[in-house]
Amino acid sequence: MKEIKVHVESDAKFFARAKNIARKVDGAGAIRAENHLSFGSLDVLLRALTQKRWALLKALRGRGPSSIRALAAEIGRDYKAVHNDVLALIEAGLIDRDDKGQISVPWTRVSADVELAAA
């Protein structure tokens, strides 16, 4: 299972986590690889992962590698809107695009960690 962990965390927490990982790498030389996506606030996370984008991710994960046009037709949405959502999700690291232009979701699991204090 390939997982990405989505966080709402302050810059200080983000850099503390990164520093901790660097210390582990410096000390032991190897750590278990993890994928993280951090947002500075819940508002920013919710703008990046709207309901329509979440539905798009689920549809694309179920469909497998696809063109944006085929995905838009499958989910019954306007091509331009899906294209814009796909670009935002690529930028966030939640969708991959290969050399042929096919898009896919590399994750089998997306988990979220949102602290009330950080939200």
C-alpha atoms as a PDB file:
ATOM      1  CA  MET A   1       0.000   0.000   0.000  1.00  0.00           C
ATOM      2  CA  LYS A   2       1.364   3.396  -0.967  1.00  0.00           C
ATOM      3  CA  GLU A   3       0.185   6.084   1.438  1.00  0.00           C
ATOM      4  CA  ILE A   4       0.450   9.846   1.621  1.00  0.00           C
ATOM      5  CA  LYS A   5      -0.125  11.607   4.919  1.00  0.00           C
ATOM      6  CA  VAL A   6      -1.831  14.986   4.705  1.00  0.00           C
ATOM      7  CA  HIS A   7      -1.201  17.399   7.574  1.00  0.00           C
ATOM      8  CA  VAL A   8      -2.384  20.757   8.758  1.00  0.00           C
ATOM      9  CA  GLU A   9       0.592  22.036  10.679  1.00  0.00           C
ATOM     10  CA  SER A  10       2.479  25.198  11.446  1.00  0.00           C
ATOM     11  CA  ASP A  11       5.773  25.992   9.774  1.00  0.00           C
ATOM     12  CA  ALA A  12       7.479  25.293  13.106  1.00  0.00           C
ATOM     13  CA  LYS A  13       5.985  21.777  13.306  1.00  0.00           C
ATOM     14  CA  PHE A  14       6.817  21.093   9.666  1.00  0.00           C
ATOM     15  CA  PHE A  15      10.457  22.066  10.138  1.00  0.00           C
ATOM     16  CA  ALA A  16      10.691  20.199  13.464  1.00  0.00           C
ATOM     17  CA  ARG A  17       9.458  17.033  11.705  1.00  0.00           C
ATOM     18  CA  ALA A  18      11.949  17.575   8.879  1.00  0.00           C
ATOM     19  CA  LYS A  19      14.762  18.159  11.366  1.00  0.00           C
ATOM     20  CA  ASN A  20      13.851  14.960  13.217  1.00  0.00           C
ATOM     21  CA  ILE A  21      13.967  12.987   9.965  1.00  0.00           C
ATOM     22  CA  ALA A  22      17.348  14.525   9.087  1.00  0.00           C
ATOM     23  CA  ARG A  23      18.706  13.547  12.522  1.00  0.00           C
ATOM     24  CA  LYS A  24      17.541   9.968  12.016  1.00  0.00           C
ATOM     25  CA  VAL A  25      19.164   9.818   8.585  1.00  0.00           C
ATOM     26  CA  ASP A  26      22.405  11.274   9.943  1.00  0.00           C
ATOM     27  CA  GLY A  27      22.426   8.855  12.890  1.00  0.00           C
ATOM     28  CA  ALA A  28      21.241   5.535  11.507  1.00  0.00           C
ATOM     29  CA  GLY A  29      21.679   6.142   7.821  1.00  0.00           C
ATOM     30  CA  ALA A  30      18.274   4.722   6.868  1.00  0.00           C
ATOM     31  CA  ILE A  31      14.683   5.363   7.767  1.00  0.00           C
ATOM     32  CA  ARG A  32      11.360   4.117   6.475  1.00  0.00           C
ATOM     33  CA  ALA A  33      10.269   6.323   3.586  1.00  0.00           C
ATOM     34  CA  GLU A  34       7.030   8.216   4.136  1.00  0.00           C
ATOM     35  CA  ASN A  35       5.146  10.627   1.918  1.00  0.00           C
ATOM     36  CA  HIS A  36       3.796  13.802   3.497  1.00  0.00           C
ATOM     37  CA  LEU A  37       1.798  16.760   2.224  1.00  0.00           C
ATOM     38  CA  SER A  38       1.550  19.686   4.638  1.00  0.00           C
ATOM     39  CA  PHE A  39      -0.797  22.655   4.648  1.00  0.00           C
ATOM     40  CA  GLY A  40      -0.464  25.715   6.853  1.00  0.00           C
ATOM     41  CA  SER A  41      -4.168  25.871   7.691  1.00  0.00           C
ATOM     42  CA  LEU A  42      -7.377  23.920   7.301  1.00  0.00           C
ATOM     43  CA  ASP A  43      -8.665  26.620   4.944  1.00  0.00           C
ATOM     44  CA  VAL A  44      -5.735  26.046   2.582  1.00  0.00           C
ATOM     45  CA  LEU A  45      -6.205  22.269   2.733  1.00  0.00           C
ATOM     46  CA  LEU A  46      -9.921  22.574   1.970  1.00  0.00           C
ATOM     47  CA  ARG A  47      -9.213  24.884  -0.981  1.00  0.00           C
ATOM     48  CA  ALA A  48      -6.736  22.324  -2.349  1.00  0.00           C
ATOM     49  CA  LEU A  49      -8.902  19.266  -1.686  1.00  0.00           C
ATOM     50  CA  THR A  50     -12.421  20.349  -2.560  1.00  0.00           C
ATOM     51  CA  GLN A  51     -15.250  17.813  -2.715  1.00  0.00           C
ATOM     52  CA  LYS A  52     -15.037  17.756  -6.514  1.00  0.00           C
ATOM     53  CA  ARG A  53     -11.274  17.198  -6.446  1.00  0.00           C
ATOM     54  CA  TRP A  54     -11.666  14.411  -3.895  1.00  0.00           C
ATOM     55  CA  ALA A  55     -14.285  12.768  -6.140  1.00  0.00           C
ATOM     56  CA  LEU A  56     -11.923  13.206  -9.093  1.00  0.00           C
ATOM     57  CA  LEU A  57      -9.100  11.486  -7.160  1.00  0.00           C
ATOM     58  CA  LYS A  58     -11.361   8.559  -6.261  1.00  0.00           C
ATOM     59  CA  ALA A  59     -12.623   8.181  -9.846  1.00  0.00           C
ATOM     60  CA  LEU A  60      -9.109   8.353 -11.288  1.00  0.00           C
ATOM     61  CA  ARG A  61      -7.776   5.865  -8.737  1.00  0.00           C
ATOM     62  CA  GLY A  62     -10.545   3.434  -9.684  1.00  0.00           C
ATOM     63  CA  ARG A  63     -10.126   4.002 -13.409  1.00  0.00           C
ATOM     64  CA  GLY A  64      -6.352   3.794 -13.580  1.00  0.00           C
ATOM     65  CA  PRO A  65      -4.136   5.877 -15.885  1.00  0.00           C
ATOM     66  CA  SER A  66      -6.226   8.108 -18.102  1.00  0.00           C
ATOM     67  CA  SER A  67      -6.364  11.223 -20.186  1.00  0.00           C
ATOM     68  CA  ILE A  68      -7.992  14.274 -18.631  1.00  0.00           C
ATOM     69  CA  ARG A  69     -10.621  14.261 -21.385  1.00  0.00           C
ATOM     70  CA  ALA A  70     -11.606  10.630 -20.716  1.00  0.00           C
ATOM     71  CA  LEU A  71     -11.744  11.289 -16.979  1.00  0.00           C
ATOM     72  CA  ALA A  72     -13.935  14.381 -17.475  1.00  0.00           C
ATOM     73  CA  ALA A  73     -16.327  12.367 -19.645  1.00  0.00           C
ATOM     74  CA  GLU A  74     -16.479   9.533 -17.098  1.00  0.00           C
ATOM     75  CA  ILE A  75     -17.329  11.790 -14.174  1.00  0.00           C
ATOM     76  CA  GLY A  76     -19.647  14.031 -16.216  1.00  0.00           C
ATOM     77  CA  ARG A  77     -17.790  17.283 -15.659  1.00  0.00           C
ATOM     78  CA  ASP A  78     -16.614  20.047 -17.979  1.00  0.00           C
ATOM     79  CA  TYR A  79     -13.161  19.348 -19.458  1.00  0.00           C
ATOM     80  CA  LYS A  80     -11.742  22.771 -18.546  1.00  0.00           C
ATOM     81  CA  ALA A  81     -12.852  22.462 -14.895  1.00  0.00           C
ATOM     82  CA  VAL A  82     -11.388  18.947 -14.627  1.00  0.00           C
ATOM     83  CA  HIS A  83      -8.182  20.136 -16.314  1.00  0.00           C
ATOM     84  CA  ASN A  84      -7.806  22.942 -13.754  1.00  0.00           C
ATOM     85  CA  ASP A  85      -8.491  20.543 -10.873  1.00  0.00           C
ATOM     86  CA  VAL A  86      -5.988  18.016 -12.225  1.00  0.00           C
ATOM     87  CA  LEU A  87      -3.294  20.717 -12.501  1.00  0.00           C
ATOM     88  CA  ALA A  88      -3.917  21.748  -8.888  1.00  0.00           C
ATOM     89  CA  LEU A  89      -3.715  18.115  -7.733  1.00  0.00           C
ATOM     90  CA  ILE A  90      -0.523  17.528  -9.732  1.00  0.00           C
ATOM     91  CA  GLU A  91       0.993  20.617  -8.102  1.00  0.00           C
ATOM     92  CA  ALA A  92      -0.025  19.295  -4.669  1.00  0.00           C
ATOM     93  CA  GLY A  93       1.579  15.922  -5.433  1.00  0.00           C
ATOM     94  CA  LEU A  94      -1.635  13.904  -5.363  1.00  0.00           C
ATOM     95  CA  ILE A  95      -1.725  13.088  -9.091  1.00  0.00           C
ATOM     96  CA  ASP A  96       1.141  12.027 -11.368  1.00  0.00           C
ATOM     97  CA  ARG A  97       1.468  12.659 -15.104  1.00  0.00           C
ATOM     98  CA  ASP A  98       3.615  10.374 -17.256  1.00  0.00           C
ATOM     99  CA  ASP A  99       5.598  11.138 -20.415  1.00  0.00           C
ATOM    100  CA  LYS A 100       2.561  10.329 -22.585  1.00  0.00           C
ATOM    101  CA  GLY A 101       0.339  12.796 -20.712  1.00  0.00           C
ATOM    102  CA  GLN A 102      -1.606  10.092 -18.872  1.00  0.00           C
ATOM    103  CA  ILE A 103      -2.592  11.016 -15.339  1.00  0.00           C
ATOM    104  CA  SER A 104      -2.867   8.641 -12.392  1.00  0.00           C
ATOM    105  CA  VAL A 105      -3.171   8.556  -8.622  1.00  0.00           C
ATOM    106  CA  PRO A 106      -0.102   6.825  -7.153  1.00  0.00           C
ATOM    107  CA  TRP A 107      -1.664   6.485  -3.698  1.00  0.00           C
ATOM    108  CA  THR A 108      -3.829   3.673  -2.408  1.00  0.00           C
ATOM    109  CA  ARG A 109      -4.408   5.549   0.842  1.00  0.00           C
ATOM    110  CA  VAL A 110      -4.613   9.226   1.794  1.00  0.00           C
ATOM    111  CA  SER A 111      -4.683   9.816   5.532  1.00  0.00           C
ATOM    112  CA  ALA A 112      -5.232  13.185   7.164  1.00  0.00           C
ATOM    113  CA  ASP A 113      -3.996  14.520  10.470  1.00  0.00           C
ATOM    114  CA  VAL A 114      -5.573  17.793  11.558  1.00  0.00           C
ATOM    115  CA  GLU A 115      -5.090  19.122  15.068  1.00  0.00           C
ATOM    116  CA  LEU A 116      -7.791  21.439  16.316  1.00  0.00           C
ATOM    117  CA  ALA A 117      -5.149  23.906  17.476  1.00  0.00           C
ATOM    118  CA  ALA A 118      -3.599  23.922  13.995  1.00  0.00           C
ATOM    119  CA  ALA A 119      -6.940  24.123  12.175  1.00  0.00           C
END
